[in-house]
Protein backbone atom coordinates (compact mmCIF):
# COMPACT_ATOMS: atom_id res chain seq x y z
CA MET A 1 0.00 0.00 0.00
CA LEU A 2 1.32 3.43 -0.97
CA GLU A 3 1.90 5.54 2.13
CA LYS A 4 1.89 9.32 2.38
CA ARG A 5 5.59 9.27 3.17
CA ASP A 6 6.28 7.41 -0.09
CA ILE A 7 4.45 10.10 -2.06
CA ILE A 8 6.38 12.91 -0.35
CA ASN A 9 9.69 11.13 -0.82
CA SER A 10 9.00 10.47 -4.50
CA ILE A 11 8.27 14.14 -5.12
CA PHE A 12 11.42 15.06 -3.22
CA VAL A 13 13.55 12.74 -5.37
CA ALA A 14 12.07 14.35 -8.48
CA SER A 15 12.54 17.90 -7.16
CA PHE A 16 16.22 18.41 -8.00
CA PRO A 17 15.94 17.04 -11.58
CA VAL A 18 12.85 19.22 -12.16
CA TYR A 19 14.77 22.16 -10.70
CA GLY A 20 17.52 21.50 -13.24
CA ILE A 21 15.10 21.46 -16.18
CA GLY A 22 13.52 24.67 -14.90
CA SER A 23 16.96 26.28 -14.73
CA TYR A 24 17.49 25.57 -18.42
CA ILE A 25 14.07 26.95 -19.34
CA SER A 26 14.65 30.11 -17.30
CA ALA A 27 17.92 30.76 -19.16
CA ALA A 28 16.89 29.66 -22.67
CA ILE A 29 13.18 30.35 -23.01
CA SER A 30 11.37 32.21 -20.25
CA PRO A 31 12.88 33.17 -16.88
CA SER A 32 9.55 33.37 -15.05
CA THR A 33 8.31 30.05 -16.47
CA GLY A 34 11.58 28.36 -15.59
CA TYR A 35 11.57 29.62 -12.00
CA LEU A 36 7.98 28.52 -11.50
CA LEU A 37 8.68 25.07 -12.93
CA SER A 38 11.69 24.70 -10.62
CA ALA A 39 9.52 25.68 -7.65
CA ALA A 40 6.61 23.40 -8.64
CA PRO A 41 7.70 20.18 -6.81
CA PHE A 42 8.30 22.12 -3.61
CA PHE A 43 4.92 23.81 -3.89
CA VAL A 44 3.25 20.41 -4.38
CA ILE A 45 4.96 19.03 -1.26
CA VAL A 46 3.77 21.98 0.84
CA LEU A 47 0.25 21.75 -0.61
CA PHE A 48 0.11 18.00 0.08
CA TYR A 49 1.07 18.62 3.70
CA LEU A 50 -1.53 21.35 4.19
CA VAL A 51 -4.31 19.16 2.77
CA ASP A 52 -3.16 16.26 4.93
CA LEU A 53 -3.11 18.57 7.93
CA LEU A 54 -6.72 19.59 7.30
CA TYR A 55 -7.79 15.95 7.23
CA ARG A 56 -5.81 14.99 10.34
CA ARG A 57 -6.68 18.14 12.30
CA ASN A 58 -3.71 17.47 14.51
CA PHE A 59 -1.26 20.34 14.33
CA ALA A 60 1.82 20.38 16.53
CA ILE A 61 4.88 22.64 16.36
CA ARG A 62 7.80 20.40 15.50
CA VAL A 63 10.43 23.01 14.69
CA ASN A 64 12.73 25.11 16.86
CA GLY A 65 13.66 28.80 16.76
CA TRP A 66 16.23 28.27 14.02
CA TYR A 67 13.37 27.73 11.61
CA LEU A 68 12.24 31.32 12.13
CA LEU A 69 15.77 32.62 11.64
CA MET A 70 16.05 30.81 8.31
CA VAL A 71 12.69 32.23 7.22
CA LEU A 72 13.92 35.68 8.22
CA PHE A 73 17.01 35.24 6.04
CA LEU A 74 14.90 34.10 3.10
CA VAL A 75 12.64 37.13 3.52
CA SER A 76 15.75 39.32 3.52
CA THR A 77 16.89 37.68 0.28
CA VAL A 78 13.50 38.20 -1.35
CA SER A 79 13.46 41.81 -0.14
CA SER A 80 16.79 42.41 -1.87
CA LEU A 81 15.14 41.43 -5.16
CA PHE A 82 12.41 44.00 -4.79
CA VAL A 83 14.88 46.67 -3.67
CA ALA A 84 16.70 46.06 -6.95
CA LEU A 85 13.40 46.22 -8.82
CA HIS A 86 12.58 49.54 -7.13
CA LYS A 87 16.00 50.85 -8.16
CA ASN A 88 15.29 49.85 -11.78
CA LEU A 89 17.85 47.08 -12.17
CA PRO A 90 17.93 46.24 -15.92
CA ASP A 91 16.20 43.05 -17.13
CA THR A 92 13.83 42.90 -14.16
CA ASN A 93 10.07 43.14 -13.80
CA PRO A 94 7.50 42.35 -11.07
CA THR A 95 6.49 39.01 -12.61
CA LEU A 96 10.09 37.82 -12.76
CA MET A 97 10.78 38.84 -9.17
CA MET A 98 7.62 37.13 -7.93
CA ALA A 99 8.62 33.91 -9.71
CA ARG A 100 12.14 34.05 -8.23
CA SER A 101 10.63 34.71 -4.82
CA ALA A 102 8.58 31.52 -5.10
CA LEU A 103 11.75 29.54 -5.81
CA LEU A 104 13.41 31.15 -2.80
CA LEU A 105 10.58 30.65 -0.33
CA PHE A 106 9.00 27.26 -1.12
CA PRO A 107 11.97 24.83 -1.08
CA PHE A 108 12.84 25.27 2.59
CA GLN A 109 9.22 24.84 3.64
CA ALA A 110 9.02 21.70 1.49
CA PHE A 111 12.23 20.32 3.00
CA VAL A 112 10.82 20.76 6.49
CA VAL A 113 7.72 18.83 5.38
CA VAL A 114 9.95 16.02 4.08
CA GLN A 115 11.55 15.91 7.51
CA LEU A 116 8.12 15.68 9.16
CA TYR A 117 7.20 12.63 7.09
CA ASN A 118 10.57 10.95 7.79
CA GLU A 119 10.73 10.97 11.57
CA GLU A 120 13.70 8.64 11.90
CA GLY A 121 15.61 10.21 9.02
CA GLU A 122 17.45 7.00 8.18
CA THR A 123 16.58 7.02 4.47
CA LEU A 124 17.12 10.72 3.80
CA ALA A 125 20.77 10.35 2.81
CA LYS A 126 19.87 7.77 0.15
CA LEU A 127 16.98 9.88 -1.11
CA THR A 128 19.30 12.88 -1.43
CA PHE A 129 21.91 10.87 -3.29
CA LYS A 130 19.28 9.40 -5.61
CA SER A 131 17.83 12.82 -6.42
CA LEU A 132 21.23 14.40 -7.13
CA SER A 133 22.25 11.38 -9.20
CA LEU A 134 19.12 11.77 -11.32
CA LEU A 135 20.02 15.44 -11.76
CA LEU A 136 23.46 14.38 -12.98
CA LEU A 137 21.92 11.74 -15.26
CA ILE A 138 19.61 14.14 -17.10
CA ASN A 139 22.57 16.48 -17.58
CA LEU A 140 24.67 13.69 -19.07
CA ILE A 141 21.83 12.70 -21.39
CA GLY A 142 21.18 16.29 -22.39
CA PHE A 143 24.84 17.02 -23.13
CA PHE A 144 26.07 13.78 -24.70
CA ALA A 145 22.87 12.50 -26.35
CA PHE A 146 21.34 15.77 -27.52
CA GLY A 147 24.26 18.19 -27.52
CA ILE A 148 22.48 20.70 -25.26
CA THR A 149 24.76 23.09 -23.38
CA ASN A 150 24.14 25.47 -20.51
CA ALA A 151 22.14 28.42 -21.81
CA LEU A 152 23.21 30.72 -18.98
CA HIS A 153 26.97 30.21 -18.92
CA SER A 154 29.07 27.80 -20.96
CA ILE A 155 32.72 27.58 -21.98
CA GLU A 156 33.78 26.07 -25.29
CA GLY A 157 35.93 22.97 -25.04
CA ARG A 158 34.69 21.96 -21.60
CA LEU A 159 31.75 19.96 -20.28
CA ASN A 160 28.76 22.28 -20.07
CA PHE A 161 25.91 20.58 -18.25
CA PRO A 162 22.65 22.11 -19.56
CA PHE A 163 20.23 21.50 -16.70
CA LEU A 164 21.90 23.55 -13.98
CA ASP A 165 21.87 27.17 -12.91
CA GLY A 166 25.38 27.80 -14.26
CA PHE A 167 28.56 26.27 -15.65
CA TYR A 168 30.43 25.84 -12.37
CA SER A 169 27.46 24.23 -10.62
CA GLY A 170 28.26 21.07 -12.57
CA SER A 171 31.65 20.69 -10.90
CA CYS A 172 30.13 21.35 -7.47
CA LEU A 173 27.43 18.74 -8.08
CA LEU A 174 30.08 16.15 -8.98
CA ALA A 175 32.18 17.03 -5.94
CA ILE A 176 29.19 16.68 -3.59
CA LEU A 177 28.14 13.33 -5.03
CA SER A 178 31.73 12.09 -4.75
CA LEU A 179 31.99 13.16 -1.10
CA MET A 180 28.78 11.29 -0.32
CA MET A 181 30.12 8.21 -2.10
CA LEU A 182 33.18 8.15 0.13
CA HIS A 183 30.79 7.56 3.01
CA PHE A 184 28.87 4.83 1.16
CA PHE A 185 32.09 2.90 0.47
CA ARG A 186 32.24 1.83 4.12
CA ASP A 187 28.77 0.28 3.94
CA VAL A 188 29.63 -2.09 1.08
CA ARG A 189 33.17 -3.14 1.96
CA GLY A 190 32.14 -6.78 2.23
CA ASP A 191 30.27 -6.84 -1.09
CA ALA A 192 32.71 -6.91 -4.01
CA PHE A 193 30.00 -6.41 -6.63
CA LYS A 194 28.52 -3.31 -5.00
CA LEU A 195 31.97 -1.97 -4.18
CA THR A 196 32.98 -2.25 -7.85
CA GLY A 197 29.84 -0.38 -8.88
CA TRP A 198 30.50 2.42 -6.41
CA PHE A 199 34.12 2.74 -7.55
CA ALA A 200 33.00 2.90 -11.18
CA TYR A 201 30.53 5.69 -10.36
CA PHE A 202 33.15 7.50 -8.30
CA GLY A 203 35.71 7.19 -11.10
CA LEU A 204 33.22 8.53 -13.64
CA ASN A 205 32.60 11.56 -11.43
CA LEU A 206 36.32 12.27 -11.17
CA VAL A 207 36.69 12.07 -14.96
CA LEU A 208 33.77 14.45 -15.47
CA LEU A 209 35.16 16.79 -12.81
CA PHE A 210 38.49 16.78 -14.65
CA TYR A 211 36.87 17.77 -17.96
CA ILE A 212 34.72 20.51 -16.48
CA ASN A 213 38.05 21.80 -15.16
CA SER A 214 37.00 24.16 -12.39
CA ARG A 215 40.28 24.59 -10.53
CA LEU A 216 38.90 26.07 -7.32
CA THR A 217 36.29 23.31 -7.04
CA LYS A 218 38.98 20.67 -7.54
CA LEU A 219 41.17 22.23 -4.86
CA VAL A 220 38.36 22.47 -2.30
CA PHE A 221 37.29 18.90 -3.06
CA LEU A 222 40.89 17.67 -2.73
CA LEU A 223 41.29 19.49 0.59
CA ILE A 224 38.22 17.82 2.08
CA VAL A 225 39.24 14.39 0.78
CA ILE A 226 42.64 14.80 2.49
CA LEU A 227 40.98 15.82 5.76
CA LEU A 228 38.71 12.77 5.52
CA ALA A 229 41.62 10.46 4.73
CA PHE A 230 43.53 11.58 7.83
CA ASN A 231 40.38 11.62 10.00
CA LEU A 232 40.76 15.35 10.67
CA LEU A 233 37.48 16.70 9.34
CA GLY A 234 35.53 16.31 12.57
CA LYS A 235 38.40 17.45 14.77
CA LEU A 236 39.07 20.85 13.22
CA ARG A 237 36.42 23.05 14.79
CA SER A 238 38.36 26.13 13.62
CA ILE A 239 37.74 25.31 9.96
CA TYR A 240 34.50 27.29 10.13
CA TRP A 241 36.24 30.47 11.28
CA ILE A 242 39.20 30.04 8.94
CA SER A 243 36.89 29.59 5.97
CA LEU A 244 35.39 33.05 6.54
CA PHE A 245 38.77 34.53 5.59
CA THR A 246 39.24 32.43 2.45
CA VAL A 247 39.20 35.41 0.08
CA PRO A 248 41.78 37.50 2.01
CA ILE A 249 43.97 34.40 2.40
CA LEU A 250 43.83 33.66 -1.32
CA LEU A 251 44.53 37.28 -2.26
CA SER A 252 47.62 37.37 -0.06
CA THR A 253 49.02 33.98 -1.07
CA GLY A 254 48.51 34.00 -4.84
CA MET A 255 52.20 33.61 -5.71
CA LEU A 256 52.71 30.82 -3.16
CA LEU A 257 49.67 29.01 -4.53
CA TYR A 258 51.04 29.35 -8.06
CA GLU A 259 54.35 27.76 -7.02
CA VAL A 260 52.49 24.84 -5.42
CA LEU A 261 50.12 24.33 -8.34
CA SER A 262 53.04 24.42 -10.79
CA LEU A 263 54.27 21.12 -9.38
CA PRO A 264 53.75 18.29 -11.89
CA VAL A 265 51.25 16.42 -9.70
CA PHE A 266 48.92 19.44 -9.56
CA SER A 267 49.49 20.91 -13.02
CA SER A 268 48.42 17.62 -14.62
CA ILE A 269 45.19 17.61 -12.62
CA LEU A 270 44.34 21.29 -12.98
CA GLN A 271 45.44 21.57 -16.63
CA ARG A 272 45.50 25.40 -16.64
CA VAL A 273 48.37 26.72 -14.51
CA ASP A 274 49.24 30.18 -15.82
CA LEU A 275 50.93 32.80 -13.60
CA LEU A 276 48.47 35.65 -14.20
CA ASP A 277 45.50 33.32 -14.32
CA VAL A 278 46.33 31.63 -11.02
CA THR A 279 47.39 34.72 -9.07
CA THR A 280 44.21 36.56 -10.08
CA PHE A 281 42.07 33.40 -9.84
CA ASN A 282 40.89 33.83 -13.42
CA GLY A 283 40.11 37.50 -12.79
CA ARG A 284 38.08 36.91 -9.63
CA ALA A 285 40.69 38.73 -7.53
CA PHE A 286 39.76 42.06 -9.16
CA LEU A 287 36.11 41.60 -8.16
CA TRP A 288 37.01 40.54 -4.63
CA LYS A 289 39.31 43.52 -4.15
CA ASP A 290 36.62 45.94 -5.31
CA ALA A 291 34.15 44.42 -2.85
CA LEU A 292 36.66 44.49 0.02
CA ASP A 293 37.50 48.13 -0.78
CA TRP A 294 33.79 48.92 -0.46
CA LEU A 295 33.69 47.10 2.88
CA MET A 296 36.71 48.94 4.27
CA TYR A 297 36.30 52.44 2.85
CA ASP A 298 33.03 53.13 1.00
CA GLN A 299 30.47 51.30 3.18
CA ARG A 300 27.35 52.68 1.48
CA GLY A 301 24.43 50.44 2.45
CA LEU A 302 26.66 48.46 4.81
CA ILE A 303 23.99 47.81 7.44
CA LEU A 304 20.91 46.85 5.40
CA GLY A 305 22.48 46.29 1.99
CA ASN A 306 22.03 47.71 -1.48
CA GLY A 307 19.66 45.16 -2.99
CA TYR A 308 20.26 42.33 -5.42
CA ARG A 309 23.24 43.10 -7.67
CA GLY A 310 24.09 45.87 -5.22
CA HIS A 311 27.48 46.39 -6.83
CA TYR A 312 25.68 47.70 -9.93
CA PHE A 313 24.06 50.55 -7.98
CA LEU A 314 27.36 51.34 -6.26
CA ASP A 315 29.37 51.17 -9.51
CA LEU A 316 31.85 48.91 -7.74
CA VAL A 317 33.09 46.77 -10.61
CA SER A 318 33.10 49.13 -13.59
CA ASP A 319 36.89 48.73 -13.78
CA VAL A 320 36.51 44.96 -14.17
CA ALA A 321 33.73 45.42 -16.74
CA GLU A 322 36.05 47.62 -18.77
CA LEU A 323 38.89 45.12 -18.42
CA TRP A 324 36.65 42.26 -19.62
CA ASN A 325 34.90 44.41 -22.23
CA GLU A 326 31.56 43.72 -20.54
CA LYS A 327 29.01 46.36 -21.56
CA ASP A 328 26.17 45.11 -19.35
CA LEU A 329 27.52 45.84 -15.89
CA HIS A 330 24.51 44.25 -14.18
CA HIS A 331 25.41 40.86 -15.65
CA LEU A 332 28.59 40.72 -13.60
CA HIS A 333 28.62 39.18 -10.15
CA LEU A 334 31.24 39.09 -7.39
CA HIS A 335 32.08 35.37 -7.71
CA SER A 336 31.48 34.96 -3.98
CA THR A 337 28.26 34.09 -2.20
CA SER A 338 29.47 35.79 0.97
CA LEU A 339 30.35 39.05 -0.77
CA GLU A 340 27.11 39.05 -2.76
CA ILE A 341 25.06 38.68 0.43
CA LEU A 342 27.15 41.29 2.24
CA VAL A 343 26.79 43.90 -0.51
CA GLY A 344 23.16 43.05 -1.30
CA GLN A 345 21.72 42.38 2.15
CA GLY A 346 24.21 44.19 4.38
CA LEU A 347 25.68 43.19 7.71
CA VAL A 348 22.23 42.26 8.99
CA GLY A 349 21.51 39.72 6.25
CA TYR A 350 25.08 38.44 6.18
CA GLY A 351 25.19 38.12 9.97
CA ILE A 352 22.02 36.00 9.94
CA PHE A 353 23.49 33.83 7.18
CA LEU A 354 26.68 33.23 9.19
CA LEU A 355 24.65 32.29 12.27
CA LEU A 356 22.64 29.80 10.21
CA PHE A 357 25.75 28.25 8.75
CA TYR A 358 27.41 27.97 12.15
CA ARG A 359 24.32 26.19 13.47
CA LEU A 360 24.42 23.81 10.51
CA PHE A 361 28.16 23.25 10.88
CA SER A 362 27.88 22.49 14.62
CA TYR A 363 24.82 20.26 14.22
CA LEU A 364 26.30 18.10 11.45
CA ARG A 365 29.72 18.01 13.10
CA ASN A 366 28.19 16.56 16.26
CA ASP A 367 26.25 14.01 14.23
CA TYR A 368 29.41 13.15 12.27
CA ARG A 369 31.33 12.49 15.47
CA MET A 370 28.45 10.39 16.83
CA LYS A 371 28.20 8.51 13.49
CA GLY A 372 24.55 9.40 13.26
CA ASN A 373 22.13 9.27 10.35
CA TYR A 374 23.33 12.60 8.96
CA ALA A 375 27.10 12.07 9.27
CA ILE A 376 27.31 11.73 5.49
CA PHE A 377 26.31 15.37 5.08
CA PHE A 378 29.08 16.91 7.19
CA SER A 379 31.73 16.77 4.45
CA VAL A 380 29.15 18.26 2.06
CA ALA A 381 28.49 21.10 4.51
CA VAL A 382 32.22 21.84 4.82
CA PHE A 383 32.50 21.86 1.03
CA LEU A 384 29.64 24.37 0.82
CA LEU A 385 31.20 26.43 3.61
CA ILE A 386 34.45 26.91 1.68
CA ILE A 387 33.08 27.08 -1.86
CA MET A 388 30.62 29.85 -0.92
CA GLN A 389 33.57 32.16 -0.36
CA VAL A 390 34.85 31.84 -3.93
CA ASP A 391 31.70 31.08 -5.94
CA THR A 392 28.02 32.07 -6.14
CA PHE A 393 26.97 28.41 -5.87
CA LEU A 394 24.99 29.23 -2.70
CA TYR A 395 23.56 32.58 -3.75
CA MET A 396 19.86 33.26 -4.36
CA GLU A 397 18.13 30.24 -5.92
CA SER A 398 21.29 28.43 -7.05
CA LEU A 399 21.64 24.68 -6.59
CA GLY A 400 23.98 25.19 -3.62
CA ALA A 401 21.44 27.44 -1.92
CA LEU A 402 18.80 24.71 -2.22
CA LEU A 403 21.24 22.17 -0.81
CA PHE A 404 22.01 24.51 2.08
CA MET A 405 18.27 24.82 2.82
CA TRP A 406 17.91 21.05 2.65
CA LEU A 407 20.77 20.41 5.06
CA PHE A 408 19.55 23.12 7.39
CA SER A 409 16.11 21.53 7.57
CA PHE A 410 17.76 18.75 9.62
CA ALA A 411 18.83 21.30 12.23
CA VAL A 412 15.39 22.85 12.82
CA MET A 413 13.53 19.69 13.82
CA HIS A 414 12.65 18.46 17.29
CA ARG A 415 13.50 14.76 17.13
CA LYS A 416 13.24 11.96 19.64
CA LYS A 417 16.68 10.54 20.25
CA LYS A 418 17.13 6.81 20.25
CA GLY A 419 18.94 5.03 23.05
CA LYS A 420 22.15 4.52 21.06
CA GLU A 421 22.23 8.15 19.98
CA LYS A 422 21.88 9.29 23.58
CA VAL A 423 24.77 7.05 24.64
CA ARG A 424 27.02 8.25 21.81
CA GLU A 425 26.21 11.88 22.55
CA SER A 426 26.95 11.50 26.28
CA ILE A 427 30.29 9.82 25.51
CA ILE A 428 31.34 12.62 23.14
CA GLN A 429 30.29 15.29 25.62
CA GLU A 430 32.31 13.56 28.34
CA VAL A 431 35.40 13.36 26.11
CA GLU A 432 35.08 17.02 25.11
CA PHE A 433 34.71 17.98 28.78
CA GLN A 434 37.86 16.08 29.71
CA ASN A 435 39.80 17.69 26.87
């Protein structure tokens, strides 16, 4: 018999592939239509829950205060869209902003509903992996079978997955799936057939990641794999705070990084190791410096932000636009989720975002150390934590932003702890107290 949970879980599995198709439509055909299509599965999940709630007539608050803080951040993000609309940002209109708002607001609510229908949470890791794998599959079919490329951003000579919100999201998707697979390997060590299948899938991902050739994604992925290999990932609490200074660290160590990446072992993996290219991070350094100069000296709109694409209204990156011969200044972005939020939503919005991420980091780190149901997601969270500093993968309605909402939905639920979980948690707390 088909249960309500099965229906919810099936829609969830379909949600990321549908999101990918909607991303292509929004870039190639109609932005508003694409955004609404991407939001459709999440809307259906929320609607299903509300109808079910009316029939059951048994409402109970199952979330904690962090839920409200996430909603507040999402409202801040939506508000930045309408601030930009009010300031007459080119290529915007009320219909478009309403459609984008739907894609910003519905996914998190839907993810919380998925949590409600999966009380134990034991199958959520597999559902996530299945959904992301289907997203990868439709991209492989679209690119290799039909020759479709990304309509928003593509680079000739490299793999350009069509059903994603941008070119670099493909490399991030592969990295995240690969990190999850490293966890699955331990579950099938005694089954040679399954182990071979997992290694084949993992190897395919590495090959695809190589041909997309996003150097920063490769480096972040490699860093996390090394930390996992030496069992350091759960021990380095400071990685959260260090990651916040990723951009200043990169800007001040460009030459050192070039010397390291010039070594044969790295140059063969990264393929493109050019002095100017590496030290400026393919031009990103110019954007980062402009944003940091605004933070240190200009500070217009520092508290509440300047709206979506705030740098356009501040004329922050006109020098980079001239350098790149980009006539449409509003098409540029800062190549950093953190800087985009800081400029667009100010210290208030950025501060809320950092609080949310610290909550997520702490929650998943504890579960990782206790070897709980969500341990598999900790390496993914650390990947998102670092990559958000150097990419817009987590900004607005990007794939990374949806994944962040999904992971955070774990941290807002009131759950009943099982006996084993209580024992593990008490042991870890005792060890931490002794240390």
